[in-house]
């Protein structure tokens, strides 16, 4: 447990923790690559390798050693004397020679000397660091492509709020068009369908989020919830009277539809009127029976002017029902003839 450098001029010295001694001048460093110098009858620690701190004080030579860097500190030099605290964006949760670890993607750590993984704070829901690790500020957290910024600022360093992208604002590749001031999808020149307005009043629910306020012709505004907001495109076999108030309606057999509010009667001379969200058949011309929701003879989607059946006719200018052929007359095929 001792060493002596020169038995004729030096005394026996206590072996420090950083050396292995054999009672003579032969010593072996406990930590490989640490350097020692014989000076004044004693071995003195000069440098430690990467990951260590040099413990060496004048008058306490028997305590010299290379100590692994503690939690929250490191030394990444090839020759080390002191350990320094982990930089912001990193942490080290156990003592040892390893360097500080970068906080993983989608986290950040603004503090120095972090000693645990918990120091890496997660970005708010819907935000990420774009694949970067070791981030130091919440400003590095950006709403990812499937969300949009609803609160805070992505450049102020304040905590941000990301909102789910409504169905009607999701582009083909998943990008949220509401991230762009123009509300356009990548590579597109036209904005997404509908007029979207951000809620600005603190009195409004979900302040900072976008609200779909109107939809264009041929679509139906659907706003059951924030996330499902969309201008639903009506089919060519449907019609819609008011995109902001009514829904897409199936085109009845008596109309020719194109997916919007303009329709054409299949039977020339038949007349239709708007009634709430649907068209109602009002009258049919000579030779037809009126199948209309107006008189309860059928559902709105089945309305039509139906040619009078065999043995019946309507000879009026405006027809509702077909009547039986008079005695002495007959009709052997369905149609508008008498």
C-alpha atoms as a PDB file:
ATOM      1  CA  UNK A   1       0.000   0.000   0.000  1.00  0.00           C
ATOM      2  CA  UNK A   2       3.079   2.218  -0.312  1.00  0.00           C
ATOM      3  CA  UNK A   3       5.743   3.187  -2.811  1.00  0.00           C
ATOM      4  CA  UNK A   4       9.234   4.677  -2.624  1.00  0.00           C
ATOM      5  CA  UNK A   5      10.988   6.296  -5.539  1.00  0.00           C
ATOM      6  CA  UNK A   6      14.583   6.452  -4.175  1.00  0.00           C
ATOM      7  CA  UNK A   7      15.315   4.345  -1.084  1.00  0.00           C
ATOM      8  CA  UNK A   8      18.437   6.404  -0.329  1.00  0.00           C
ATOM      9  CA  UNK A   9      16.809   9.834  -0.337  1.00  0.00           C
ATOM     10  CA  UNK A  10      13.027   9.417  -0.121  1.00  0.00           C
ATOM     11  CA  UNK A  11      10.611   8.104   2.463  1.00  0.00           C
ATOM     12  CA  UNK A  12       7.862   5.544   1.908  1.00  0.00           C
ATOM     13  CA  UNK A  13       4.744   7.268   0.611  1.00  0.00           C
ATOM     14  CA  UNK A  14       1.140   6.115   0.909  1.00  0.00           C
ATOM     15  CA  UNK A  15      -0.213   4.780  -2.395  1.00  0.00           C
ATOM     16  CA  UNK A  16      -2.926   7.133  -3.791  1.00  0.00           C
ATOM     17  CA  UNK A  17      -6.228   5.675  -5.108  1.00  0.00           C
ATOM     18  CA  UNK A  18      -5.107   6.445  -8.671  1.00  0.00           C
ATOM     19  CA  UNK A  19      -2.113   4.049  -8.534  1.00  0.00           C
ATOM     20  CA  UNK A  20      -1.434   0.383  -7.906  1.00  0.00           C
ATOM     21  CA  UNK A  21       1.695   0.117  -5.743  1.00  0.00           C
ATOM     22  CA  UNK A  22       4.045  -2.766  -4.827  1.00  0.00           C
ATOM     23  CA  UNK A  23       6.179  -1.215  -2.081  1.00  0.00           C
ATOM     24  CA  UNK A  24       8.907  -0.059  -4.445  1.00  0.00           C
ATOM     25  CA  UNK A  25       9.197   2.469  -7.245  1.00  0.00           C
ATOM     26  CA  UNK A  26       7.124   0.383  -9.652  1.00  0.00           C
ATOM     27  CA  UNK A  27       3.556   1.709  -9.925  1.00  0.00           C
ATOM     28  CA  UNK A  28       0.698   1.124 -12.419  1.00  0.00           C
ATOM     29  CA  UNK A  29      -2.007   3.743 -13.091  1.00  0.00           C
ATOM     30  CA  UNK A  30      -5.471   2.526 -12.137  1.00  0.00           C
ATOM     31  CA  UNK A  31      -6.928   4.483 -15.065  1.00  0.00           C
ATOM     32  CA  UNK A  32      -5.273   3.683 -18.352  1.00  0.00           C
ATOM     33  CA  UNK A  33      -3.784   6.680 -20.164  1.00  0.00           C
ATOM     34  CA  UNK A  34      -3.594   8.789 -17.009  1.00  0.00           C
ATOM     35  CA  UNK A  35      -0.123  10.381 -16.712  1.00  0.00           C
ATOM     36  CA  UNK A  36       2.000  10.669 -13.540  1.00  0.00           C
ATOM     37  CA  UNK A  37       5.301  12.436 -12.833  1.00  0.00           C
ATOM     38  CA  UNK A  38       7.860  11.620 -10.135  1.00  0.00           C
ATOM     39  CA  UNK A  39       8.639  14.880  -8.384  1.00  0.00           C
ATOM     40  CA  UNK A  40      10.126  15.540  -4.949  1.00  0.00           C
ATOM     41  CA  UNK A  41       9.959  11.925  -3.907  1.00  0.00           C
ATOM     42  CA  UNK A  42       6.302  11.610  -4.844  1.00  0.00           C
ATOM     43  CA  UNK A  43       4.234  10.606  -7.851  1.00  0.00           C
ATOM     44  CA  UNK A  44       2.022  13.477  -8.968  1.00  0.00           C
ATOM     45  CA  UNK A  45      -0.981  13.130 -11.265  1.00  0.00           C
ATOM     46  CA  UNK A  46      -0.608  15.243 -14.407  1.00  0.00           C
ATOM     47  CA  UNK A  47      -3.530  14.455 -16.720  1.00  0.00           C
ATOM     48  CA  UNK A  48      -6.544  12.166 -16.980  1.00  0.00           C
ATOM     49  CA  UNK A  49      -8.035  10.720 -20.164  1.00  0.00           C
ATOM     50  CA  UNK A  50     -11.420  11.537 -21.734  1.00  0.00           C
ATOM     51  CA  UNK A  51     -14.334  11.320 -19.329  1.00  0.00           C
ATOM     52  CA  UNK A  52     -12.418  11.939 -16.070  1.00  0.00           C
ATOM     53  CA  UNK A  53     -11.788  14.754 -13.618  1.00  0.00           C
ATOM     54  CA  UNK A  54      -8.336  15.132 -12.032  1.00  0.00           C
ATOM     55  CA  UNK A  55      -8.438  14.958  -8.218  1.00  0.00           C
ATOM     56  CA  UNK A  56      -5.129  16.410  -7.110  1.00  0.00           C
ATOM     57  CA  UNK A  57      -4.457  18.942  -4.362  1.00  0.00           C
ATOM     58  CA  UNK A  58      -1.159  20.167  -2.911  1.00  0.00           C
ATOM     59  CA  UNK A  59      -0.572  18.436   0.412  1.00  0.00           C
ATOM     60  CA  UNK A  60      -3.072  15.678  -0.350  1.00  0.00           C
ATOM     61  CA  UNK A  61      -0.961  13.647  -2.754  1.00  0.00           C
ATOM     62  CA  UNK A  62      -2.183  10.416  -1.160  1.00  0.00           C
ATOM     63  CA  UNK A  63      -5.717  11.171  -2.500  1.00  0.00           C
ATOM     64  CA  UNK A  64      -4.802  11.704  -6.159  1.00  0.00           C
ATOM     65  CA  UNK A  65      -6.958   9.907  -8.722  1.00  0.00           C
ATOM     66  CA  UNK A  66      -8.893  10.239 -11.957  1.00  0.00           C
ATOM     67  CA  UNK A  67     -12.605  10.304 -11.056  1.00  0.00           C
ATOM     68  CA  UNK A  68     -15.310   9.617 -13.667  1.00  0.00           C
ATOM     69  CA  UNK A  69     -17.380  12.690 -14.478  1.00  0.00           C
ATOM     70  CA  UNK A  70     -20.515  12.932 -12.336  1.00  0.00           C
ATOM     71  CA  UNK A  71     -24.105  13.058 -13.515  1.00  0.00           C
ATOM     72  CA  UNK A  72     -24.789  16.167 -15.577  1.00  0.00           C
ATOM     73  CA  UNK A  73     -21.106  16.669 -16.531  1.00  0.00           C
ATOM     74  CA  UNK A  74     -18.530  15.481 -19.057  1.00  0.00           C
ATOM     75  CA  UNK A  75     -15.038  16.000 -20.429  1.00  0.00           C
ATOM     76  CA  UNK A  76     -14.653  15.253 -24.124  1.00  0.00           C
ATOM     77  CA  UNK A  77     -10.987  16.348 -24.463  1.00  0.00           C
ATOM     78  CA  UNK A  78      -8.228  13.804 -25.013  1.00  0.00           C
ATOM     79  CA  UNK A  79      -6.545  15.074 -21.816  1.00  0.00           C
ATOM     80  CA  UNK A  80      -8.868  16.129 -19.016  1.00  0.00           C
ATOM     81  CA  UNK A  81      -8.474  18.050 -15.779  1.00  0.00           C
ATOM     82  CA  UNK A  82     -12.037  19.082 -14.965  1.00  0.00           C
ATOM     83  CA  UNK A  83     -15.517  17.989 -16.015  1.00  0.00           C
ATOM     84  CA  UNK A  84     -17.893  20.619 -17.334  1.00  0.00           C
ATOM     85  CA  UNK A  85     -21.699  20.665 -17.153  1.00  0.00           C
ATOM     86  CA  UNK A  86     -23.818  19.266 -19.950  1.00  0.00           C
ATOM     87  CA  UNK A  87     -24.828  21.862 -22.483  1.00  0.00           C
ATOM     88  CA  UNK A  88     -28.465  22.805 -23.012  1.00  0.00           C
ATOM     89  CA  UNK A  89     -30.185  20.204 -25.178  1.00  0.00           C
ATOM     90  CA  UNK A  90     -28.290  17.350 -23.480  1.00  0.00           C
ATOM     91  CA  UNK A  91     -28.336  15.307 -20.274  1.00  0.00           C
ATOM     92  CA  UNK A  92     -26.314  12.643 -18.424  1.00  0.00           C
ATOM     93  CA  UNK A  93     -28.146  10.518 -15.887  1.00  0.00           C
ATOM     94  CA  UNK A  94     -25.306   8.382 -14.462  1.00  0.00           C
ATOM     95  CA  UNK A  95     -21.707   9.057 -13.406  1.00  0.00           C
ATOM     96  CA  UNK A  96     -19.161   7.711 -15.875  1.00  0.00           C
ATOM     97  CA  UNK A  97     -16.779   8.488 -18.669  1.00  0.00           C
ATOM     98  CA  UNK A  98     -19.464   8.716 -21.331  1.00  0.00           C
ATOM     99  CA  UNK A  99     -20.352  12.089 -22.796  1.00  0.00           C
ATOM    100  CA  UNK A 100     -23.681  13.856 -22.312  1.00  0.00           C
ATOM    101  CA  UNK A 101     -26.495  12.489 -24.466  1.00  0.00           C
ATOM    102  CA  UNK A 102     -28.560  14.650 -26.805  1.00  0.00           C
ATOM    103  CA  UNK A 103     -32.243  14.921 -25.949  1.00  0.00           C
ATOM    104  CA  UNK A 104     -34.135  12.856 -28.543  1.00  0.00           C
ATOM    105  CA  UNK A 105     -36.243  14.129 -31.398  1.00  0.00           C
ATOM    106  CA  UNK A 106     -39.408  16.032 -30.482  1.00  0.00           C
ATOM    107  CA  UNK A 107     -37.993  17.165 -27.129  1.00  0.00           C
ATOM    108  CA  UNK A 108     -35.977  20.152 -25.913  1.00  0.00           C
ATOM    109  CA  UNK A 109     -33.979  21.102 -22.805  1.00  0.00           C
ATOM    110  CA  UNK A 110     -33.124  24.743 -22.083  1.00  0.00           C
ATOM    111  CA  UNK A 111     -31.102  23.997 -18.919  1.00  0.00           C
ATOM    112  CA  UNK A 112     -27.405  23.321 -18.270  1.00  0.00           C
ATOM    113  CA  UNK A 113     -26.059  20.437 -16.172  1.00  0.00           C
ATOM    114  CA  UNK A 114     -29.129  18.250 -16.773  1.00  0.00           C
ATOM    115  CA  UNK A 115     -28.861  15.019 -14.786  1.00  0.00           C
ATOM    116  CA  UNK A 116     -31.831  13.027 -16.060  1.00  0.00           C
ATOM    117  CA  UNK A 117     -33.932  12.257 -19.124  1.00  0.00           C
ATOM    118  CA  UNK A 118     -36.858  14.069 -17.515  1.00  0.00           C
ATOM    119  CA  UNK A 119     -35.007  17.307 -18.236  1.00  0.00           C
ATOM    120  CA  UNK A 120     -35.850  16.734 -21.914  1.00  0.00           C
ATOM    121  CA  UNK A 121     -39.288  18.278 -22.281  1.00  0.00           C
ATOM    122  CA  UNK A 122     -41.680  16.965 -24.890  1.00  0.00           C
ATOM    123  CA  UNK A 123     -42.992  19.247 -27.605  1.00  0.00           C
ATOM    124  CA  UNK A 124     -46.730  20.051 -27.302  1.00  0.00           C
ATOM    125  CA  UNK A 125     -49.157  17.577 -28.900  1.00  0.00           C
ATOM    126  CA  UNK A 126     -49.029  17.861 -32.680  1.00  0.00           C
ATOM    127  CA  UNK A 127     -45.589  19.501 -32.718  1.00  0.00           C
ATOM    128  CA  UNK A 128     -42.160  18.060 -33.509  1.00  0.00           C
ATOM    129  CA  UNK A 129     -38.566  19.129 -34.057  1.00  0.00           C
ATOM    130  CA  UNK A 130     -38.456  18.093 -37.728  1.00  0.00           C
ATOM    131  CA  UNK A 131     -36.218  15.108 -37.017  1.00  0.00           C
ATOM    132  CA  UNK A 132     -33.636  17.098 -35.018  1.00  0.00           C
ATOM    133  CA  UNK A 133     -32.303  16.003 -31.620  1.00  0.00           C
ATOM    134  CA  UNK A 134     -30.498  18.035 -28.953  1.00  0.00           C
ATOM    135  CA  UNK A 135     -32.843  21.015 -29.173  1.00  0.00           C
ATOM    136  CA  UNK A 136     -32.577  23.755 -26.560  1.00  0.00           C
ATOM    137  CA  UNK A 137     -35.799  25.744 -26.858  1.00  0.00           C
ATOM    138  CA  UNK A 138     -39.539  25.304 -27.284  1.00  0.00           C
ATOM    139  CA  UNK A 139     -39.129  27.505 -30.363  1.00  0.00           C
ATOM    140  CA  UNK A 140     -37.667  24.428 -32.066  1.00  0.00           C
ATOM    141  CA  UNK A 141     -41.046  22.705 -31.739  1.00  0.00           C
ATOM    142  CA  UNK A 142     -43.098  23.305 -34.860  1.00  0.00           C
ATOM    143  CA  UNK A 143     -46.615  22.059 -35.655  1.00  0.00           C
ATOM    144  CA  UNK A 144     -46.113  19.080 -37.921  1.00  0.00           C
ATOM    145  CA  UNK A 145     -47.690  18.856 -41.348  1.00  0.00           C
ATOM    146  CA  UNK A 146     -50.939  17.248 -40.162  1.00  0.00           C
ATOM    147  CA  UNK A 147     -51.650  20.082 -37.693  1.00  0.00           C
ATOM    148  CA  UNK A 148     -51.687  23.878 -37.724  1.00  0.00           C
ATOM    149  CA  UNK A 149     -50.656  26.576 -35.263  1.00  0.00           C
ATOM    150  CA  UNK A 150     -53.624  27.580 -33.085  1.00  0.00           C
ATOM    151  CA  UNK A 151     -51.898  29.409 -30.242  1.00  0.00           C
ATOM    152  CA  UNK A 152     -48.538  30.893 -29.255  1.00  0.00           C
ATOM    153  CA  UNK A 153     -45.758  31.643 -31.689  1.00  0.00           C
ATOM    154  CA  UNK A 154     -43.290  29.263 -33.311  1.00  0.00           C
ATOM    155  CA  UNK A 155     -40.591  31.932 -33.128  1.00  0.00           C
ATOM    156  CA  UNK A 156     -41.240  33.515 -29.716  1.00  0.00           C
ATOM    157  CA  UNK A 157     -40.067  30.601 -27.590  1.00  0.00           C
ATOM    158  CA  UNK A 158     -43.451  30.459 -25.884  1.00  0.00           C
ATOM    159  CA  UNK A 159     -45.336  27.194 -25.681  1.00  0.00           C
ATOM    160  CA  UNK A 160     -47.406  26.677 -28.805  1.00  0.00           C
ATOM    161  CA  UNK A 161     -50.760  24.994 -29.346  1.00  0.00           C
ATOM    162  CA  UNK A 162     -51.241  22.820 -32.417  1.00  0.00           C
ATOM    163  CA  UNK A 163     -54.734  21.900 -33.600  1.00  0.00           C
ATOM    164  CA  UNK A 164     -55.770  18.886 -35.633  1.00  0.00           C
ATOM    165  CA  UNK A 165     -56.228  19.675 -39.296  1.00  0.00           C
ATOM    166  CA  UNK A 166     -59.954  19.592 -40.204  1.00  0.00           C
ATOM    167  CA  UNK A 167     -60.927  17.014 -42.795  1.00  0.00           C
ATOM    168  CA  UNK A 168     -61.639  19.669 -45.422  1.00  0.00           C
ATOM    169  CA  UNK A 169     -58.160  21.207 -45.112  1.00  0.00           C
ATOM    170  CA  UNK A 170     -56.101  18.015 -45.418  1.00  0.00           C
ATOM    171  CA  UNK A 171     -54.178  17.847 -48.700  1.00  0.00           C
ATOM    172  CA  UNK A 172     -53.622  14.658 -50.668  1.00  0.00           C
ATOM    173  CA  UNK A 173     -50.257  14.008 -49.030  1.00  0.00           C
ATOM    174  CA  UNK A 174     -51.519  14.725 -45.523  1.00  0.00           C
ATOM    175  CA  UNK A 175     -50.236  18.324 -45.300  1.00  0.00           C
ATOM    176  CA  UNK A 176     -52.593  20.790 -43.601  1.00  0.00           C
ATOM    177  CA  UNK A 177     -53.372  23.662 -45.976  1.00  0.00           C
ATOM    178  CA  UNK A 178     -54.223  25.923 -43.019  1.00  0.00           C
ATOM    179  CA  UNK A 179     -50.479  26.173 -42.314  1.00  0.00           C
ATOM    180  CA  UNK A 180     -50.238  28.408 -45.395  1.00  0.00           C
ATOM    181  CA  UNK A 181     -51.677  31.912 -45.323  1.00  0.00           C
ATOM    182  CA  UNK A 182     -53.081  31.231 -48.790  1.00  0.00           C
ATOM    183  CA  UNK A 183     -54.726  27.985 -47.624  1.00  0.00           C
ATOM    184  CA  UNK A 184     -53.209  26.159 -50.580  1.00  0.00           C
ATOM    185  CA  UNK A 185     -51.825  22.648 -50.796  1.00  0.00           C
ATOM    186  CA  UNK A 186     -48.183  22.144 -51.847  1.00  0.00           C
ATOM    187  CA  UNK A 187     -47.818  22.694 -55.578  1.00  0.00           C
ATOM    188  CA  UNK A 188     -51.379  24.030 -55.935  1.00  0.00           C
ATOM    189  CA  UNK A 189     -52.376  27.545 -56.972  1.00  0.00           C
ATOM    190  CA  UNK A 190     -55.973  27.467 -55.773  1.00  0.00           C
ATOM    191  CA  UNK A 191     -57.017  27.474 -52.133  1.00  0.00           C
ATOM    192  CA  UNK A 192     -58.857  24.571 -50.565  1.00  0.00           C
ATOM    193  CA  UNK A 193     -62.642  24.542 -50.774  1.00  0.00           C
ATOM    194  CA  UNK A 194     -64.532  26.916 -48.493  1.00  0.00           C
ATOM    195  CA  UNK A 195     -63.917  30.085 -46.519  1.00  0.00           C
ATOM    196  CA  UNK A 196     -61.934  29.468 -43.324  1.00  0.00           C
ATOM    197  CA  UNK A 197     -61.721  32.113 -40.588  1.00  0.00           C
ATOM    198  CA  UNK A 198     -59.660  31.976 -37.406  1.00  0.00           C
ATOM    199  CA  UNK A 199     -61.525  32.441 -34.123  1.00  0.00           C
ATOM    200  CA  UNK A 200     -59.923  35.495 -32.528  1.00  0.00           C
ATOM    201  CA  UNK A 201     -62.186  36.436 -29.627  1.00  0.00           C
ATOM    202  CA  UNK A 202     -61.339  34.996 -26.215  1.00  0.00           C
ATOM    203  CA  UNK A 203     -65.103  34.669 -25.704  1.00  0.00           C
ATOM    204  CA  UNK A 204     -65.317  32.137 -28.540  1.00  0.00           C
ATOM    205  CA  UNK A 205     -64.769  28.453 -27.871  1.00  0.00           C
ATOM    206  CA  UNK A 206     -61.505  27.061 -29.227  1.00  0.00           C
ATOM    207  CA  UNK A 207     -60.013  30.518 -29.731  1.00  0.00           C
ATOM    208  CA  UNK A 208     -57.194  30.424 -32.294  1.00  0.00           C
ATOM    209  CA  UNK A 209     -58.678  27.576 -34.292  1.00  0.00           C
ATOM    210  CA  UNK A 210     -60.132  27.849 -37.783  1.00  0.00           C
ATOM    211  CA  UNK A 211     -63.857  27.782 -38.448  1.00  0.00           C
ATOM    212  CA  UNK A 212     -65.406  26.870 -41.786  1.00  0.00           C
ATOM    213  CA  UNK A 213     -67.906  29.674 -42.411  1.00  0.00           C
ATOM    214  CA  UNK A 214     -69.063  29.035 -45.971  1.00  0.00           C
ATOM    215  CA  UNK A 215     -68.800  26.542 -48.808  1.00  0.00           C
ATOM    216  CA  UNK A 216     -69.031  26.978 -52.595  1.00  0.00           C
ATOM    217  CA  UNK A 217     -71.825  25.889 -54.886  1.00  0.00           C
ATOM    218  CA  UNK A 218     -72.200  22.136 -55.263  1.00  0.00           C
ATOM    219  CA  UNK A 219     -70.891  21.322 -51.790  1.00  0.00           C
ATOM    220  CA  UNK A 220     -72.451  20.872 -48.375  1.00  0.00           C
ATOM    221  CA  UNK A 221     -70.951  22.506 -45.273  1.00  0.00           C
ATOM    222  CA  UNK A 222     -70.398  19.869 -42.600  1.00  0.00           C
ATOM    223  CA  UNK A 223     -69.373  21.188 -39.178  1.00  0.00           C
ATOM    224  CA  UNK A 224     -70.321  18.519 -36.644  1.00  0.00           C
ATOM    225  CA  UNK A 225     -66.970  19.099 -34.923  1.00  0.00           C
ATOM    226  CA  UNK A 226     -63.772  21.067 -35.475  1.00  0.00           C
ATOM    227  CA  UNK A 227     -61.912  18.033 -36.797  1.00  0.00           C
ATOM    228  CA  UNK A 228     -64.641  16.977 -39.260  1.00  0.00           C
ATOM    229  CA  UNK A 229     -65.234  20.399 -40.855  1.00  0.00           C
ATOM    230  CA  UNK A 230     -65.373  20.107 -44.626  1.00  0.00           C
ATOM    231  CA  UNK A 231     -67.148  21.235 -47.778  1.00  0.00           C
ATOM    232  CA  UNK A 232     -68.538  17.883 -48.895  1.00  0.00           C
ATOM    233  CA  UNK A 233     -68.760  17.584 -52.671  1.00  0.00           C
ATOM    234  CA  UNK A 234     -72.213  16.489 -53.847  1.00  0.00           C
ATOM    235  CA  UNK A 235     -72.404  13.722 -56.442  1.00  0.00           C
ATOM    236  CA  UNK A 236     -73.460  14.432 -60.013  1.00  0.00           C
ATOM    237  CA  UNK A 237     -76.586  12.397 -59.222  1.00  0.00           C
ATOM    238  CA  UNK A 238     -77.515  14.844 -56.442  1.00  0.00           C
ATOM    239  CA  UNK A 239     -78.447  18.480 -55.997  1.00  0.00           C
ATOM    240  CA  UNK A 240     -78.128  21.012 -53.174  1.00  0.00           C
ATOM    241  CA  UNK A 241     -80.069  24.256 -52.744  1.00  0.00           C
ATOM    242  CA  UNK A 242     -77.909  26.065 -50.168  1.00  0.00           C
ATOM    243  CA  UNK A 243     -74.350  24.800 -49.503  1.00  0.00           C
ATOM    244  CA  UNK A 244     -74.260  26.455 -46.091  1.00  0.00           C
ATOM    245  CA  UNK A 245     -77.695  25.465 -44.824  1.00  0.00           C
ATOM    246  CA  UNK A 246     -78.802  22.267 -46.559  1.00  0.00           C
ATOM    247  CA  UNK A 247     -77.355  18.884 -47.438  1.00  0.00           C
ATOM    248  CA  UNK A 248     -76.906  17.013 -50.710  1.00  0.00           C
ATOM    249  CA  UNK A 249     -80.185  15.480 -51.910  1.00  0.00           C
ATOM    250  CA  UNK A 250     -80.640  12.510 -54.225  1.00  0.00           C
ATOM    251  CA  UNK A 251     -81.897  13.584 -57.616  1.00  0.00           C
ATOM    252  CA  UNK A 252     -85.504  12.374 -58.154  1.00  0.00           C
ATOM    253  CA  UNK A 253     -86.424  10.623 -61.445  1.00  0.00           C
ATOM    254  CA  UNK A 254     -88.323  13.719 -62.546  1.00  0.00           C
ATOM    255  CA  UNK A 255     -85.237  15.945 -62.569  1.00  0.00           C
ATOM    256  CA  UNK A 256     -81.877  15.999 -64.318  1.00  0.00           C
ATOM    257  CA  UNK A 257     -79.195  17.047 -61.790  1.00  0.00           C
ATOM    258  CA  UNK A 258     -75.547  18.103 -61.968  1.00  0.00           C
ATOM    259  CA  UNK A 259     -74.498  18.154 -58.310  1.00  0.00           C
ATOM    260  CA  UNK A 260     -75.530  21.767 -57.576  1.00  0.00           C
ATOM    261  CA  UNK A 261     -78.683  23.891 -57.387  1.00  0.00           C
ATOM    262  CA  UNK A 262     -79.464  24.060 -61.132  1.00  0.00           C
ATOM    263  CA  UNK A 263     -81.762  21.270 -62.305  1.00  0.00           C
ATOM    264  CA  UNK A 264     -83.790  20.543 -65.442  1.00  0.00           C
ATOM    265  CA  UNK A 265     -87.235  18.872 -65.500  1.00  0.00           C
ATOM    266  CA  UNK A 266     -87.182  15.556 -67.323  1.00  0.00           C
ATOM    267  CA  UNK A 267     -90.751  16.165 -68.524  1.00  0.00           C
ATOM    268  CA  UNK A 268     -91.102  19.505 -70.368  1.00  0.00           C
ATOM    269  CA  UNK A 269     -93.863  21.611 -68.865  1.00  0.00           C
ATOM    270  CA  UNK A 270     -93.577  20.084 -65.354  1.00  0.00           C
ATOM    271  CA  UNK A 271     -93.014  22.644 -62.624  1.00  0.00           C
ATOM    272  CA  UNK A 272     -90.953  22.364 -59.439  1.00  0.00           C
ATOM    273  CA  UNK A 273     -90.460  24.620 -56.423  1.00  0.00           C
ATOM    274  CA  UNK A 274     -87.989  24.841 -53.553  1.00  0.00           C
ATOM    275  CA  UNK A 275     -89.327  23.674 -50.202  1.00  0.00           C
ATOM    276  CA  UNK A 276     -86.722  23.817 -47.458  1.00  0.00           C
ATOM    277  CA  UNK A 277     -83.814  21.635 -48.529  1.00  0.00           C
ATOM    278  CA  UNK A 278     -85.592  19.849 -51.413  1.00  0.00           C
ATOM    279  CA  UNK A 279     -87.334  20.448 -54.722  1.00  0.00           C
ATOM    280  CA  UNK A 280     -91.019  19.563 -54.770  1.00  0.00           C
ATOM    281  CA  UNK A 281     -92.971  18.673 -57.871  1.00  0.00           C
ATOM    282  CA  UNK A 282     -95.842  21.165 -58.210  1.00  0.00           C
ATOM    283  CA  UNK A 283     -97.582  20.180 -61.462  1.00  0.00           C
ATOM    284  CA  UNK A 284     -97.380  17.881 -64.438  1.00  0.00           C
ATOM    285  CA  UNK A 285     -98.623  18.552 -67.979  1.00  0.00           C
ATOM    286  CA  UNK A 286    -101.342  16.721 -69.936  1.00  0.00           C
ATOM    287  CA  UNK A 287    -101.119  12.950 -69.893  1.00  0.00           C
ATOM    288  CA  UNK A 288     -99.189  12.541 -66.624  1.00  0.00           C
ATOM    289  CA  UNK A 289     -99.900  11.620 -63.032  1.00  0.00           C
ATOM    290  CA  UNK A 290     -98.122  13.699 -60.399  1.00  0.00           C
ATOM    291  CA  UNK A 291     -95.993  11.593 -58.029  1.00  0.00           C
ATOM    292  CA  UNK A 292     -94.997  14.284 -55.546  1.00  0.00           C
ATOM    293  CA  UNK A 293     -93.979  14.763 -51.944  1.00  0.00           C
ATOM    294  CA  UNK A 294     -96.290  17.747 -52.025  1.00  0.00           C
ATOM    295  CA  UNK A 295     -99.384  15.545 -52.079  1.00  0.00           C
ATOM    296  CA  UNK A 296     -97.781  12.701 -50.137  1.00  0.00           C
ATOM    297  CA  UNK A 297     -97.841  10.197 -52.990  1.00  0.00           C
ATOM    298  CA  UNK A 298     -94.084   9.533 -52.758  1.00  0.00           C
ATOM    299  CA  UNK A 299     -90.831  10.538 -51.053  1.00  0.00           C
ATOM    300  CA  UNK A 300     -88.853  13.569 -52.338  1.00  0.00           C
ATOM    301  CA  UNK A 301     -86.228  11.312 -53.947  1.00  0.00           C
ATOM    302  CA  UNK A 302     -88.887   9.517 -56.037  1.00  0.00           C
ATOM    303  CA  UNK A 303     -90.882  12.465 -57.376  1.00  0.00           C
ATOM    304  CA  UNK A 304     -91.768  12.394 -61.066  1.00  0.00           C
ATOM    305  CA  UNK A 305     -94.442  12.942 -63.668  1.00  0.00           C
ATOM    306  CA  UNK A 306     -95.553   9.442 -64.550  1.00  0.00           C
ATOM    307  CA  UNK A 307     -97.369   8.739 -67.836  1.00  0.00           C
ATOM    308  CA  UNK A 308    -100.934   7.579 -67.303  1.00  0.00           C
ATOM    309  CA  UNK A 309    -101.290   3.788 -67.246  1.00  0.00           C
ATOM    310  CA  UNK A 310    -103.346   1.617 -69.590  1.00  0.00           C
ATOM    311  CA  UNK A 311    -107.018   2.438 -69.322  1.00  0.00           C
ATOM    312  CA  UNK A 312    -106.436   5.901 -67.848  1.00  0.00           C
ATOM    313  CA  UNK A 313    -105.775   9.446 -69.006  1.00  0.00           C
ATOM    314  CA  UNK A 314    -105.498  13.076 -67.974  1.00  0.00           C
ATOM    315  CA  UNK A 315    -106.693  15.579 -70.568  1.00  0.00           C
ATOM    316  CA  UNK A 316    -106.297  18.705 -68.437  1.00  0.00           C
ATOM    317  CA  UNK A 317    -103.594  21.289 -69.031  1.00  0.00           C
ATOM    318  CA  UNK A 318    -102.398  20.712 -65.460  1.00  0.00           C
ATOM    319  CA  UNK A 319    -102.588  17.137 -64.221  1.00  0.00           C
ATOM    320  CA  UNK A 320    -102.466  15.655 -60.753  1.00  0.00           C
ATOM    321  CA  UNK A 321    -104.107  12.281 -61.293  1.00  0.00           C
ATOM    322  CA  UNK A 322    -105.089  10.060 -64.191  1.00  0.00           C
ATOM    323  CA  UNK A 323    -108.760   9.053 -64.508  1.00  0.00           C
ATOM    324  CA  UNK A 324    -110.292   5.956 -66.063  1.00  0.00           C
ATOM    325  CA  UNK A 325    -111.154   6.016 -69.748  1.00  0.00           C
ATOM    326  CA  UNK A 326    -114.786   7.012 -70.428  1.00  0.00           C
ATOM    327  CA  UNK A 327    -117.286   4.377 -71.579  1.00  0.00           C
ATOM    328  CA  UNK A 328    -116.914   3.737 -75.285  1.00  0.00           C
ATOM    329  CA  UNK A 329    -113.129   4.518 -75.215  1.00  0.00           C
ATOM    330  CA  UNK A 330    -110.054   2.483 -74.445  1.00  0.00           C
ATOM    331  CA  UNK A 331    -106.261   2.812 -74.023  1.00  0.00           C
ATOM    332  CA  UNK A 332    -104.173  -0.313 -74.403  1.00  0.00           C
ATOM    333  CA  UNK A 333    -100.643   1.072 -73.577  1.00  0.00           C
ATOM    334  CA  UNK A 334     -99.304   3.371 -70.893  1.00  0.00           C
ATOM    335  CA  UNK A 335     -98.477   6.852 -72.137  1.00  0.00           C
ATOM    336  CA  UNK A 336     -99.584  10.426 -72.403  1.00  0.00           C
ATOM    337  CA  UNK A 337    -102.035   9.798 -75.223  1.00  0.00           C
ATOM    338  CA  UNK A 338    -105.792   9.863 -74.668  1.00  0.00           C
END
